[in-house]
Amino acid sequence: MRDVLEKSGLGDLVEEIFPFTAEFSHNLVTILDKEDIMGTHHWSDQSLVERYYQSKGKKFTRKLSKSQLEAQHLKEQERIRLEKQAAEEADRKKRAEEERLKKEREEQARKL
């Protein structure tokens, strides 16, 4: 690229545009963060792959790595365990309430 600029008559600017040293490179670096890009029409919540599949009318399914699949499996197992635990707790409370009502009815029957 340096050669192209020198041949096109921009030899005096070559060092500033493509320096061999880092002397001018701090002026050439543009830093964009997420907020900067979100303010443009180039921002999208979808990845390029997702947008490509959408333009073709297909549904994109993300392929997960082995570790991601394992993490997803563990998460699903934890969810099932918590649901089972909640169901057991609800059943225990229901049985305790039924037992309490049964004792109340027995005491009322004794009083009569």
PDB file of N, CA and C in Angstrom:
ATOM      1  N   MET A   1       0.829  -1.189   0.000  1.00  0.00           N
ATOM      2  CA  MET A   1       0.000   0.000   0.000  1.00  0.00           C
ATOM      3  C   MET A   1       0.870   1.249   0.000  1.00  0.00           C
ATOM      4  N   ARG A   2       1.993   1.154   0.685  1.00  0.00           N
ATOM      5  CA  ARG A   2       2.907   2.296   0.690  1.00  0.00           C
ATOM      6  C   ARG A   2       3.377   2.613  -0.728  1.00  0.00           C
ATOM      7  N   ASP A   3       3.657   1.559  -1.509  1.00  0.00           N
ATOM      8  CA  ASP A   3       4.115   1.764  -2.884  1.00  0.00           C
ATOM      9  C   ASP A   3       3.055   2.455  -3.728  1.00  0.00           C
ATOM     10  N   VAL A   4       1.818   2.057  -3.576  1.00  0.00           N
ATOM     11  CA  VAL A   4       0.729   2.655  -4.347  1.00  0.00           C
ATOM     12  C   VAL A   4       0.625   4.143  -4.048  1.00  0.00           C
ATOM     13  N   LEU A   5       0.717   4.499  -2.772  1.00  0.00           N
ATOM     14  CA  LEU A   5       0.635   5.916  -2.401  1.00  0.00           C
ATOM     15  C   LEU A   5       1.823   6.707  -2.935  1.00  0.00           C
ATOM     16  N   GLU A   6       3.003   6.124  -2.877  1.00  0.00           N
ATOM     17  CA  GLU A   6       4.191   6.819  -3.386  1.00  0.00           C
ATOM     18  C   GLU A   6       4.107   7.025  -4.886  1.00  0.00           C
ATOM     19  N   LYS A   7       3.614   6.033  -5.615  1.00  0.00           N
ATOM     20  CA  LYS A   7       3.499   6.133  -7.072  1.00  0.00           C
ATOM     21  C   LYS A   7       2.396   7.096  -7.482  1.00  0.00           C
ATOM     22  N   SER A   8       1.396   7.278  -6.654  1.00  0.00           N
ATOM     23  CA  SER A   8       0.295   8.172  -7.007  1.00  0.00           C
ATOM     24  C   SER A   8       0.577   9.625  -6.634  1.00  0.00           C
ATOM     25  N   GLY A   9       1.773   9.909  -6.162  1.00  0.00           N
ATOM     26  CA  GLY A   9       2.139  11.281  -5.860  1.00  0.00           C
ATOM     27  C   GLY A   9       1.896  11.687  -4.422  1.00  0.00           C
ATOM     28  N   LEU A  10       1.590  10.745  -3.568  1.00  0.00           N
ATOM     29  CA  LEU A  10       1.336  11.055  -2.170  1.00  0.00           C
ATOM     30  C   LEU A  10       2.500  10.581  -1.290  1.00  0.00           C
ATOM     31  N   GLY A  11       3.698  10.630  -1.856  1.00  0.00           N
ATOM     32  CA  GLY A  11       4.876  10.145  -1.142  1.00  0.00           C
ATOM     33  C   GLY A  11       5.138  10.877   0.157  1.00  0.00           C
ATOM     34  N   ASP A  12       4.806  12.167   0.217  1.00  0.00           N
ATOM     35  CA  ASP A  12       5.056  12.921   1.439  1.00  0.00           C
ATOM     36  C   ASP A  12       4.075  12.558   2.571  1.00  0.00           C
ATOM     37  N   LEU A  13       2.942  11.940   2.223  1.00  0.00           N
ATOM     38  CA  LEU A  13       1.965  11.545   3.232  1.00  0.00           C
ATOM     39  C   LEU A  13       2.069  10.069   3.630  1.00  0.00           C
ATOM     40  N   VAL A  14       2.929   9.335   2.930  1.00  0.00           N
ATOM     41  CA  VAL A  14       3.020   7.893   3.186  1.00  0.00           C
ATOM     42  C   VAL A  14       3.384   7.609   4.631  1.00  0.00           C
ATOM     43  N   GLU A  15       4.319   8.334   5.192  1.00  0.00           N
ATOM     44  CA  GLU A  15       4.743   8.088   6.576  1.00  0.00           C
ATOM     45  C   GLU A  15       3.621   8.367   7.565  1.00  0.00           C
ATOM     46  N   GLU A  16       2.771   9.323   7.268  1.00  0.00           N
ATOM     47  CA  GLU A  16       1.674   9.624   8.172  1.00  0.00           C
ATOM     48  C   GLU A  16       0.550   8.598   8.051  1.00  0.00           C
ATOM     49  N   ILE A  17       0.305   8.107   6.823  1.00  0.00           N
ATOM     50  CA  ILE A  17      -0.788   7.164   6.614  1.00  0.00           C
ATOM     51  C   ILE A  17      -0.371   5.744   6.992  1.00  0.00           C
ATOM     52  N   PHE A  18       0.802   5.316   6.537  1.00  0.00           N
ATOM     53  CA  PHE A  18       1.315   3.970   6.838  1.00  0.00           C
ATOM     54  C   PHE A  18       2.719   4.071   7.399  1.00  0.00           C
ATOM     55  N   PRO A  19       2.845   4.425   8.658  1.00  0.00           N
ATOM     56  CA  PRO A  19       4.182   4.601   9.231  1.00  0.00           C
ATOM     57  C   PRO A  19       4.878   3.263   9.501  1.00  0.00           C
ATOM     58  N   PHE A  20       6.235   3.295   9.354  1.00  0.00           N
ATOM     59  CA  PHE A  20       7.012   2.133   9.744  1.00  0.00           C
ATOM     60  C   PHE A  20       7.154   2.098  11.269  1.00  0.00           C
ATOM     61  N   THR A  21       7.026   3.238  11.882  1.00  0.00           N
ATOM     62  CA  THR A  21       7.106   3.322  13.339  1.00  0.00           C
ATOM     63  C   THR A  21       5.712   3.641  13.883  1.00  0.00           C
ATOM     64  N   ALA A  22       5.604   3.636  15.170  1.00  0.00           N
ATOM     65  CA  ALA A  22       4.311   3.917  15.800  1.00  0.00           C
ATOM     66  C   ALA A  22       4.122   5.407  16.058  1.00  0.00           C
ATOM     67  N   GLU A  23       4.950   6.249  15.453  1.00  0.00           N
ATOM     68  CA  GLU A  23       4.916   7.687  15.719  1.00  0.00           C
ATOM     69  C   GLU A  23       3.550   8.311  15.425  1.00  0.00           C
ATOM     70  N   PHE A  24       2.925   7.930  14.319  1.00  0.00           N
ATOM     71  CA  PHE A  24       1.651   8.544  13.938  1.00  0.00           C
ATOM     72  C   PHE A  24       0.451   7.597  14.107  1.00  0.00           C
ATOM     73  N   SER A  25       0.715   6.400  14.495  1.00  0.00           N
ATOM     74  CA  SER A  25      -0.385   5.428  14.505  1.00  0.00           C
ATOM     75  C   SER A  25      -1.464   5.748  15.539  1.00  0.00           C
ATOM     76  N   HIS A  26      -1.172   6.489  16.593  1.00  0.00           N
ATOM     77  CA  HIS A  26      -2.210   6.848  17.549  1.00  0.00           C
ATOM     78  C   HIS A  26      -3.283   7.716  16.917  1.00  0.00           C
ATOM     79  N   ASN A  27      -2.935   8.437  15.853  1.00  0.00           N
ATOM     80  CA  ASN A  27      -3.914   9.271  15.160  1.00  0.00           C
ATOM     81  C   ASN A  27      -4.768   8.473  14.182  1.00  0.00           C
ATOM     82  N   LEU A  28      -4.370   7.249  13.872  1.00  0.00           N
ATOM     83  CA  LEU A  28      -5.067   6.460  12.862  1.00  0.00           C
ATOM     84  C   LEU A  28      -6.034   5.439  13.452  1.00  0.00           C
ATOM     85  N   VAL A  29      -6.024   5.283  14.762  1.00  0.00           N
ATOM     86  CA  VAL A  29      -6.860   4.270  15.391  1.00  0.00           C
ATOM     87  C   VAL A  29      -8.204   4.880  15.782  1.00  0.00           C
ATOM     88  N   THR A  30      -9.254   4.257  15.291  1.00  0.00           N
ATOM     89  CA  THR A  30     -10.599   4.678  15.653  1.00  0.00           C
ATOM     90  C   THR A  30     -11.187   3.611  16.553  1.00  0.00           C
ATOM     91  N   ILE A  31     -11.659   4.020  17.704  1.00  0.00           N
ATOM     92  CA  ILE A  31     -12.233   3.071  18.644  1.00  0.00           C
ATOM     93  C   ILE A  31     -13.741   3.282  18.666  1.00  0.00           C
ATOM     94  N   LEU A  32     -14.459   2.222  18.328  1.00  0.00           N
ATOM     95  CA  LEU A  32     -15.915   2.249  18.370  1.00  0.00           C
ATOM     96  C   LEU A  32     -16.378   1.275  19.441  1.00  0.00           C
ATOM     97  N   ASP A  33     -17.245   1.731  20.297  1.00  0.00           N
ATOM     98  CA  ASP A  33     -17.817   0.806  21.262  1.00  0.00           C
ATOM     99  C   ASP A  33     -19.266   0.517  20.862  1.00  0.00           C
ATOM    100  N   LYS A  34     -19.907  -0.328  21.622  1.00  0.00           N
ATOM    101  CA  LYS A  34     -21.255  -0.775  21.290  1.00  0.00           C
ATOM    102  C   LYS A  34     -22.234   0.393  21.180  1.00  0.00           C
ATOM    103  N   GLU A  35     -22.120   1.361  22.079  1.00  0.00           N
ATOM    104  CA  GLU A  35     -23.034   2.509  22.053  1.00  0.00           C
ATOM    105  C   GLU A  35     -22.862   3.340  20.776  1.00  0.00           C
ATOM    106  N   ASP A  36     -21.610   3.470  20.292  1.00  0.00           N
ATOM    107  CA  ASP A  36     -21.371   4.209  19.056  1.00  0.00           C
ATOM    108  C   ASP A  36     -22.051   3.528  17.876  1.00  0.00           C
ATOM    109  N   ILE A  37     -21.919   2.225  17.807  1.00  0.00           N
ATOM    110  CA  ILE A  37     -22.492   1.486  16.685  1.00  0.00           C
ATOM    111  C   ILE A  37     -24.012   1.447  16.782  1.00  0.00           C
ATOM    112  N   MET A  38     -24.535   1.376  18.012  1.00  0.00           N
ATOM    113  CA  MET A  38     -25.985   1.329  18.179  1.00  0.00           C
ATOM    114  C   MET A  38     -26.645   2.603  17.659  1.00  0.00           C
ATOM    115  N   GLY A  39     -25.909   3.697  17.629  1.00  0.00           N
ATOM    116  CA  GLY A  39     -26.452   4.953  17.134  1.00  0.00           C
ATOM    117  C   GLY A  39     -26.483   5.048  15.624  1.00  0.00           C
ATOM    118  N   THR A  40     -26.007   4.038  14.921  1.00  0.00           N
ATOM    119  CA  THR A  40     -25.992   4.053  13.458  1.00  0.00           C
ATOM    120  C   THR A  40     -27.045   3.098  12.917  1.00  0.00           C
ATOM    121  N   HIS A  41     -27.255   3.158  11.605  1.00  0.00           N
ATOM    122  CA  HIS A  41     -28.205   2.235  10.982  1.00  0.00           C
ATOM    123  C   HIS A  41     -27.574   0.862  10.740  1.00  0.00           C
ATOM    124  N   HIS A  42     -26.317   0.688  11.105  1.00  0.00           N
ATOM    125  CA  HIS A  42     -25.634  -0.590  10.925  1.00  0.00           C
ATOM    126  C   HIS A  42     -25.881  -1.549  12.078  1.00  0.00           C
ATOM    127  N   TRP A  43     -26.456  -1.077  13.179  1.00  0.00           N
ATOM    128  CA  TRP A  43     -26.640  -1.918  14.360  1.00  0.00           C
ATOM    129  C   TRP A  43     -27.813  -2.864  14.178  1.00  0.00           C
ATOM    130  N   SER A  44     -27.634  -4.086  14.656  1.00  0.00           N
ATOM    131  CA  SER A  44     -28.707  -5.071  14.661  1.00  0.00           C
ATOM    132  C   SER A  44     -28.482  -6.028  15.820  1.00  0.00           C
ATOM    133  N   ASP A  45     -29.568  -6.451  16.443  1.00  0.00           N
ATOM    134  CA  ASP A  45     -29.464  -7.454  17.509  1.00  0.00           C
ATOM    135  C   ASP A  45     -29.151  -8.827  16.938  1.00  0.00           C
ATOM    136  N   GLN A  46     -29.435  -9.014  15.651  1.00  0.00           N
ATOM    137  CA  GLN A  46     -29.176 -10.284  14.996  1.00  0.00           C
ATOM    138  C   GLN A  46     -27.746 -10.316  14.451  1.00  0.00           C
ATOM    139  N   SER A  47     -27.168 -11.504  14.446  1.00  0.00           N
ATOM    140  CA  SER A  47     -25.843 -11.648  13.847  1.00  0.00           C
ATOM    141  C   SER A  47     -25.992 -11.652  12.323  1.00  0.00           C
ATOM    142  N   LEU A  48     -24.875 -11.533  11.620  1.00  0.00           N
ATOM    143  CA  LEU A  48     -24.919 -11.558  10.159  1.00  0.00           C
ATOM    144  C   LEU A  48     -25.455 -12.888   9.648  1.00  0.00           C
ATOM    145  N   VAL A  49     -25.088 -13.967  10.310  1.00  0.00           N
ATOM    146  CA  VAL A  49     -25.562 -15.292   9.899  1.00  0.00           C
ATOM    147  C   VAL A  49     -27.078 -15.377  10.061  1.00  0.00           C
ATOM    148  N   GLU A  50     -27.589 -14.880  11.180  1.00  0.00           N
ATOM    149  CA  GLU A  50     -29.035 -14.895  11.398  1.00  0.00           C
ATOM    150  C   GLU A  50     -29.760 -14.056  10.356  1.00  0.00           C
ATOM    151  N   ARG A  51     -29.204 -12.899  10.028  1.00  0.00           N
ATOM    152  CA  ARG A  51     -29.817 -12.036   9.009  1.00  0.00           C
ATOM    153  C   ARG A  51     -29.780 -12.696   7.633  1.00  0.00           C
ATOM    154  N   TYR A  52     -28.685 -13.421   7.336  1.00  0.00           N
ATOM    155  CA  TYR A  52     -28.580 -14.118   6.061  1.00  0.00           C
ATOM    156  C   TYR A  52     -29.673 -15.178   5.942  1.00  0.00           C
ATOM    157  N   TYR A  53     -29.816 -16.015   6.979  1.00  0.00           N
ATOM    158  CA  TYR A  53     -30.831 -17.050   6.944  1.00  0.00           C
ATOM    159  C   TYR A  53     -32.231 -16.441   6.846  1.00  0.00           C
ATOM    160  N   GLN A  54     -32.443 -15.337   7.536  1.00  0.00           N
ATOM    161  CA  GLN A  54     -33.745 -14.678   7.490  1.00  0.00           C
ATOM    162  C   GLN A  54     -34.035 -14.174   6.070  1.00  0.00           C
ATOM    163  N   SER A  55     -33.020 -13.635   5.398  1.00  0.00           N
ATOM    164  CA  SER A  55     -33.229 -13.139   4.038  1.00  0.00           C
ATOM    165  C   SER A  55     -33.540 -14.268   3.060  1.00  0.00           C
ATOM    166  N   LYS A  56     -33.060 -15.477   3.364  1.00  0.00           N
ATOM    167  CA  LYS A  56     -33.339 -16.642   2.534  1.00  0.00           C
ATOM    168  C   LYS A  56     -34.630 -17.335   2.936  1.00  0.00           C
ATOM    169  N   GLY A  57     -35.296 -16.818   3.977  1.00  0.00           N
ATOM    170  CA  GLY A  57     -36.552 -17.398   4.435  1.00  0.00           C
ATOM    171  C   GLY A  57     -36.373 -18.677   5.222  1.00  0.00           C
ATOM    172  N   LYS A  58     -35.182 -18.877   5.775  1.00  0.00           N
ATOM    173  CA  LYS A  58     -34.900 -20.076   6.553  1.00  0.00           C
ATOM    174  C   LYS A  58     -34.757 -19.706   8.015  1.00  0.00           C
ATOM    175  N   LYS A  59     -34.927 -20.705   8.874  1.00  0.00           N
ATOM    176  CA  LYS A  59     -34.766 -20.488  10.312  1.00  0.00           C
ATOM    177  C   LYS A  59     -33.347 -20.854  10.705  1.00  0.00           C
ATOM    178  N   PHE A  60     -32.691 -19.970  11.404  1.00  0.00           N
ATOM    179  CA  PHE A  60     -31.317 -20.209  11.846  1.00  0.00           C
ATOM    180  C   PHE A  60     -31.320 -20.931  13.179  1.00  0.00           C
ATOM    181  N   THR A  61     -30.571 -22.018  13.264  1.00  0.00           N
ATOM    182  CA  THR A  61     -30.396 -22.712  14.532  1.00  0.00           C
ATOM    183  C   THR A  61     -28.915 -22.692  14.869  1.00  0.00           C
ATOM    184  N   ARG A  62     -28.632 -22.177  16.026  1.00  0.00           N
ATOM    185  CA  ARG A  62     -27.241 -22.027  16.459  1.00  0.00           C
ATOM    186  C   ARG A  62     -26.674 -23.389  16.844  1.00  0.00           C
ATOM    187  N   LYS A  63     -25.498 -23.701  16.316  1.00  0.00           N
ATOM    188  CA  LYS A  63     -24.823 -24.940  16.665  1.00  0.00           C
ATOM    189  C   LYS A  63     -23.977 -24.689  17.899  1.00  0.00           C
ATOM    190  N   LEU A  64     -24.189 -25.519  18.901  1.00  0.00           N
ATOM    191  CA  LEU A  64     -23.502 -25.332  20.172  1.00  0.00           C
ATOM    192  C   LEU A  64     -22.266 -26.222  20.250  1.00  0.00           C
ATOM    193  N   SER A  65     -21.270 -25.717  20.955  1.00  0.00           N
ATOM    194  CA  SER A  65     -20.067 -26.519  21.188  1.00  0.00           C
ATOM    195  C   SER A  65     -20.380 -27.574  22.238  1.00  0.00           C
ATOM    196  N   LYS A  66     -19.464 -28.519  22.405  1.00  0.00           N
ATOM    197  CA  LYS A  66     -19.660 -29.595  23.372  1.00  0.00           C
ATOM    198  C   LYS A  66     -19.836 -29.033  24.779  1.00  0.00           C
ATOM    199  N   SER A  67     -19.025 -28.047  25.146  1.00  0.00           N
ATOM    200  CA  SER A  67     -19.142 -27.464  26.493  1.00  0.00           C
ATOM    201  C   SER A  67     -20.464 -26.717  26.655  1.00  0.00           C
ATOM    202  N   GLN A  68     -20.919 -26.047  25.603  1.00  0.00           N
ATOM    203  CA  GLN A  68     -22.204 -25.356  25.675  1.00  0.00           C
ATOM    204  C   GLN A  68     -23.354 -26.348  25.792  1.00  0.00           C
ATOM    205  N   LEU A  69     -23.250 -27.480  25.060  1.00  0.00           N
ATOM    206  CA  LEU A  69     -24.277 -28.513  25.165  1.00  0.00           C
ATOM    207  C   LEU A  69     -24.314 -29.103  26.570  1.00  0.00           C
ATOM    208  N   GLU A  70     -23.133 -29.342  27.147  1.00  0.00           N
ATOM    209  CA  GLU A  70     -23.068 -29.873  28.509  1.00  0.00           C
ATOM    210  C   GLU A  70     -23.658 -28.883  29.505  1.00  0.00           C
ATOM    211  N   ALA A  71     -23.331 -27.595  29.338  1.00  0.00           N
ATOM    212  CA  ALA A  71     -23.871 -26.565  30.234  1.00  0.00           C
ATOM    213  C   ALA A  71     -25.385 -26.486  30.100  1.00  0.00           C
ATOM    214  N   GLN A  72     -25.878 -26.596  28.875  1.00  0.00           N
ATOM    215  CA  GLN A  72     -27.315 -26.554  28.642  1.00  0.00           C
ATOM    216  C   GLN A  72     -27.986 -27.774  29.289  1.00  0.00           C
ATOM    217  N   HIS A  73     -27.349 -28.939  29.177  1.00  0.00           N
ATOM    218  CA  HIS A  73     -27.885 -30.156  29.776  1.00  0.00           C
ATOM    219  C   HIS A  73     -27.932 -30.035  31.305  1.00  0.00           C
ATOM    220  N   LEU A  74     -26.857 -29.507  31.894  1.00  0.00           N
ATOM    221  CA  LEU A  74     -26.817 -29.328  33.339  1.00  0.00           C
ATOM    222  C   LEU A  74     -27.891 -28.346  33.804  1.00  0.00           C
ATOM    223  N   LYS A  75     -28.074 -27.303  33.028  1.00  0.00           N
ATOM    224  CA  LYS A  75     -29.096 -26.304  33.358  1.00  0.00           C
ATOM    225  C   LYS A  75     -30.488 -26.937  33.314  1.00  0.00           C
ATOM    226  N   GLU A  76     -30.736 -27.763  32.305  1.00  0.00           N
ATOM    227  CA  GLU A  76     -32.018 -28.439  32.180  1.00  0.00           C
ATOM    228  C   GLU A  76     -32.232 -29.409  33.340  1.00  0.00           C
ATOM    229  N   GLN A  77     -31.178 -30.143  33.716  1.00  0.00           N
ATOM    230  CA  GLN A  77     -31.281 -31.054  34.853  1.00  0.00           C
ATOM    231  C   GLN A  77     -31.583 -30.295  36.145  1.00  0.00           C
ATOM    232  N   GLU A  78     -30.946 -29.155  36.328  1.00  0.00           N
ATOM    233  CA  GLU A  78     -31.182 -28.335  37.526  1.00  0.00           C
ATOM    234  C   GLU A  78     -32.620 -27.826  37.557  1.00  0.00           C
ATOM    235  N   ARG A  79     -33.137 -27.413  36.385  1.00  0.00           N
ATOM    236  CA  ARG A  79     -34.523 -26.939  36.296  1.00  0.00           C
ATOM    237  C   ARG A  79     -35.486 -28.065  36.670  1.00  0.00           C
ATOM    238  N   ILE A  80     -35.240 -29.269  36.159  1.00  0.00           N
ATOM    239  CA  ILE A  80     -36.103 -30.413  36.458  1.00  0.00           C
ATOM    240  C   ILE A  80     -36.040 -30.735  37.947  1.00  0.00           C
ATOM    241  N   ARG A  81     -34.826 -30.691  38.514  1.00  0.00           N
ATOM    242  CA  ARG A  81     -34.668 -30.975  39.943  1.00  0.00           C
ATOM    243  C   ARG A  81     -35.443 -29.969  40.786  1.00  0.00           C
ATOM    244  N   LEU A  82     -35.351 -28.696  40.422  1.00  0.00           N
ATOM    245  CA  LEU A  82     -36.065 -27.656  41.177  1.00  0.00           C
ATOM    246  C   LEU A  82     -37.576 -27.811  41.054  1.00  0.00           C
ATOM    247  N   GLU A  83     -38.055 -28.156  39.842  1.00  0.00           N
ATOM    248  CA  GLU A  83     -39.488 -28.379  39.667  1.00  0.00           C
ATOM    249  C   GLU A  83     -39.965 -29.552  40.517  1.00  0.00           C
ATOM    250  N   LYS A  84     -39.180 -30.628  40.527  1.00  0.00           N
ATOM    251  CA  LYS A  84     -39.526 -31.809  41.323  1.00  0.00           C
ATOM    252  C   LYS A  84     -39.538 -31.462  42.809  1.00  0.00           C
ATOM    253  N   GLN A  85     -38.540 -30.698  43.230  1.00  0.00           N
ATOM    254  CA  GLN A  85     -38.447 -30.285  44.629  1.00  0.00           C
ATOM    255  C   GLN A  85     -39.651 -29.417  45.012  1.00  0.00           C
ATOM    256  N   ALA A  86     -40.043 -28.500  44.115  1.00  0.00           N
ATOM    257  CA  ALA A  86     -41.193 -27.638  44.387  1.00  0.00           C
ATOM    258  C   ALA A  86     -42.476 -28.465  44.455  1.00  0.00           C
ATOM    259  N   ALA A  87     -42.613 -29.456  43.581  1.00  0.00           N
ATOM    260  CA  ALA A  87     -43.799 -30.311  43.596  1.00  0.00           C
ATOM    261  C   ALA A  87     -43.852 -31.129  44.884  1.00  0.00           C
ATOM    262  N   GLU A  88     -42.709 -31.653  45.317  1.00  0.00           N
ATOM    263  CA  GLU A  88     -42.662 -32.415  46.565  1.00  0.00           C
ATOM    264  C   GLU A  88     -43.014 -31.534  47.764  1.00  0.00           C
ATOM    265  N   GLU A  89     -42.517 -30.308  47.753  1.00  0.00           N
ATOM    266  CA  GLU A  89     -42.818 -29.373  48.841  1.00  0.00           C
ATOM    267  C   GLU A  89     -44.308 -29.038  48.870  1.00  0.00           C
ATOM    268  N   ALA A  90     -44.892 -28.817  47.690  1.00  0.00           N
ATOM    269  CA  ALA A  90     -46.327 -28.528  47.621  1.00  0.00           C
ATOM    270  C   ALA A  90     -47.130 -29.727  48.110  1.00  0.00           C
ATOM    271  N   ASP A  91     -46.701 -30.933  47.739  1.00  0.00           N
ATOM    272  CA  ASP A  91     -47.381 -32.148  48.182  1.00  0.00           C
ATOM    273  C   ASP A  91     -47.268 -32.312  49.698  1.00  0.00           C
ATOM    274  N   ARG A  92     -46.101 -32.033  50.245  1.00  0.00           N
ATOM    275  CA  ARG A  92     -45.884 -32.124  51.692  1.00  0.00           C
ATOM    276  C   ARG A  92     -46.793 -31.143  52.432  1.00  0.00           C
ATOM    277  N   LYS A  93     -46.881 -29.915  51.911  1.00  0.00           N
ATOM    278  CA  LYS A  93     -47.754 -28.912  52.544  1.00  0.00           C
ATOM    279  C   LYS A  93     -49.212 -29.332  52.465  1.00  0.00           C
ATOM    280  N   LYS A  94     -49.602 -29.905  51.341  1.00  0.00           N
ATOM    281  CA  LYS A  94     -50.984 -30.347  51.173  1.00  0.00           C
ATOM    282  C   LYS A  94     -51.306 -31.457  52.171  1.00  0.00           C
ATOM    283  N   ARG A  95     -50.385 -32.430  52.313  1.00  0.00           N
ATOM    284  CA  ARG A  95     -50.601 -33.514  53.268  1.00  0.00           C
ATOM    285  C   ARG A  95     -50.660 -32.984  54.707  1.00  0.00           C
ATOM    286  N   ALA A  96     -49.802 -32.019  55.039  1.00  0.00           N
ATOM    287  CA  ALA A  96     -49.801 -31.444  56.382  1.00  0.00           C
ATOM    288  C   ALA A  96     -51.125 -30.731  56.658  1.00  0.00           C
ATOM    289  N   GLU A  97     -51.625 -30.005  55.652  1.00  0.00           N
ATOM    290  CA  GLU A  97     -52.899 -29.306  55.794  1.00  0.00           C
ATOM    291  C   GLU A  97     -54.046 -30.306  55.954  1.00  0.00           C
ATOM    292  N   GLU A  98     -54.025 -31.388  55.182  1.00  0.00           N
ATOM    293  CA  GLU A  98     -55.060 -32.420  55.291  1.00  0.00           C
ATOM    294  C   GLU A  98     -55.011 -33.073  56.682  1.00  0.00           C
ATOM    295  N   GLU A  99     -53.809 -33.314  57.172  1.00  0.00           N
ATOM    296  CA  GLU A  99     -53.640 -33.915  58.501  1.00  0.00           C
ATOM    297  C   GLU A  99     -54.184 -32.975  59.579  1.00  0.00           C
ATOM    298  N   ARG A 100     -53.891 -31.699  59.437  1.00  0.00           N
ATOM    299  CA  ARG A 100     -54.381 -30.712  60.399  1.00  0.00           C
ATOM    300  C   ARG A 100     -55.905 -30.665  60.397  1.00  0.00           C
ATOM    301  N   LEU A 101     -56.519 -30.655  59.207  1.00  0.00           N
ATOM    302  CA  LEU A 101     -57.981 -30.632  59.103  1.00  0.00           C
ATOM    303  C   LEU A 101     -58.594 -31.904  59.685  1.00  0.00           C
ATOM    304  N   LYS A 102     -57.947 -33.037  59.462  1.00  0.00           N
ATOM    305  CA  LYS A 102     -58.433 -34.314  60.004  1.00  0.00           C
ATOM    306  C   LYS A 102     -58.433 -34.286  61.533  1.00  0.00           C
ATOM    307  N   LYS A 103     -57.356 -33.767  62.126  1.00  0.00           N
ATOM    308  CA  LYS A 103     -57.272 -33.666  63.586  1.00  0.00           C
ATOM    309  C   LYS A 103     -58.345 -32.726  64.131  1.00  0.00           C
ATOM    310  N   GLU A 104     -58.595 -31.619  63.427  1.00  0.00           N
ATOM    311  CA  GLU A 104     -59.633 -30.680  63.867  1.00  0.00           C
ATOM    312  C   GLU A 104     -61.000 -31.347  63.855  1.00  0.00           C
ATOM    313  N   ARG A 105     -61.302 -32.115  62.810  1.00  0.00           N
ATOM    314  CA  ARG A 105     -62.582 -32.778  62.710  1.00  0.00           C
ATOM    315  C   ARG A 105     -62.737 -33.843  63.820  1.00  0.00           C
ATOM    316  N   GLU A 106     -61.648 -34.570  64.117  1.00  0.00           N
ATOM    317  CA  GLU A 106     -61.679 -35.573  65.181  1.00  0.00           C
ATOM    318  C   GLU A 106     -61.950 -34.928  66.538  1.00  0.00           C
ATOM    319  N   GLU A 107     -61.310 -33.786  66.795  1.00  0.00           N
ATOM    320  CA  GLU A 107     -61.518 -33.095  68.069  1.00  0.00           C
ATOM    321  C   GLU A 107     -62.945 -32.560  68.171  1.00  0.00           C
ATOM    322  N   GLN A 108     -63.471 -32.059  67.066  1.00  0.00           N
ATOM    323  CA  GLN A 108     -64.851 -31.577  67.077  1.00  0.00           C
ATOM    324  C   GLN A 108     -65.819 -32.735  67.306  1.00  0.00           C
ATOM    325  N   ALA A 109     -65.505 -33.902  66.742  1.00  0.00           N
ATOM    326  CA  ALA A 109     -66.381 -35.071  66.905  1.00  0.00           C
ATOM    327  C   ALA A 109     -66.328 -35.557  68.356  1.00  0.00           C
ATOM    328  N   ARG A 110     -65.193 -35.462  69.035  1.00  0.00           N
ATOM    329  CA  ARG A 110     -65.071 -35.875  70.434  1.00  0.00           C
ATOM    330  C   ARG A 110     -65.886 -34.957  71.350  1.00  0.00           C
ATOM    331  N   LYS A 111     -65.889 -33.675  71.006  1.00  0.00           N
ATOM    332  CA  LYS A 111     -66.616 -32.713  71.830  1.00  0.00           C
ATOM    333  C   LYS A 111     -68.123 -32.930  71.737  1.00  0.00           C
ATOM    334  N   LEU A 112     -68.600 -33.442  70.665  1.00  0.00           N
ATOM    335  CA  LEU A 112     -70.038 -33.646  70.495  1.00  0.00           C
ATOM    336  C   LEU A 112     -70.426 -34.919  71.117  1.00  0.00           C
TER     337      LEU A 112
END
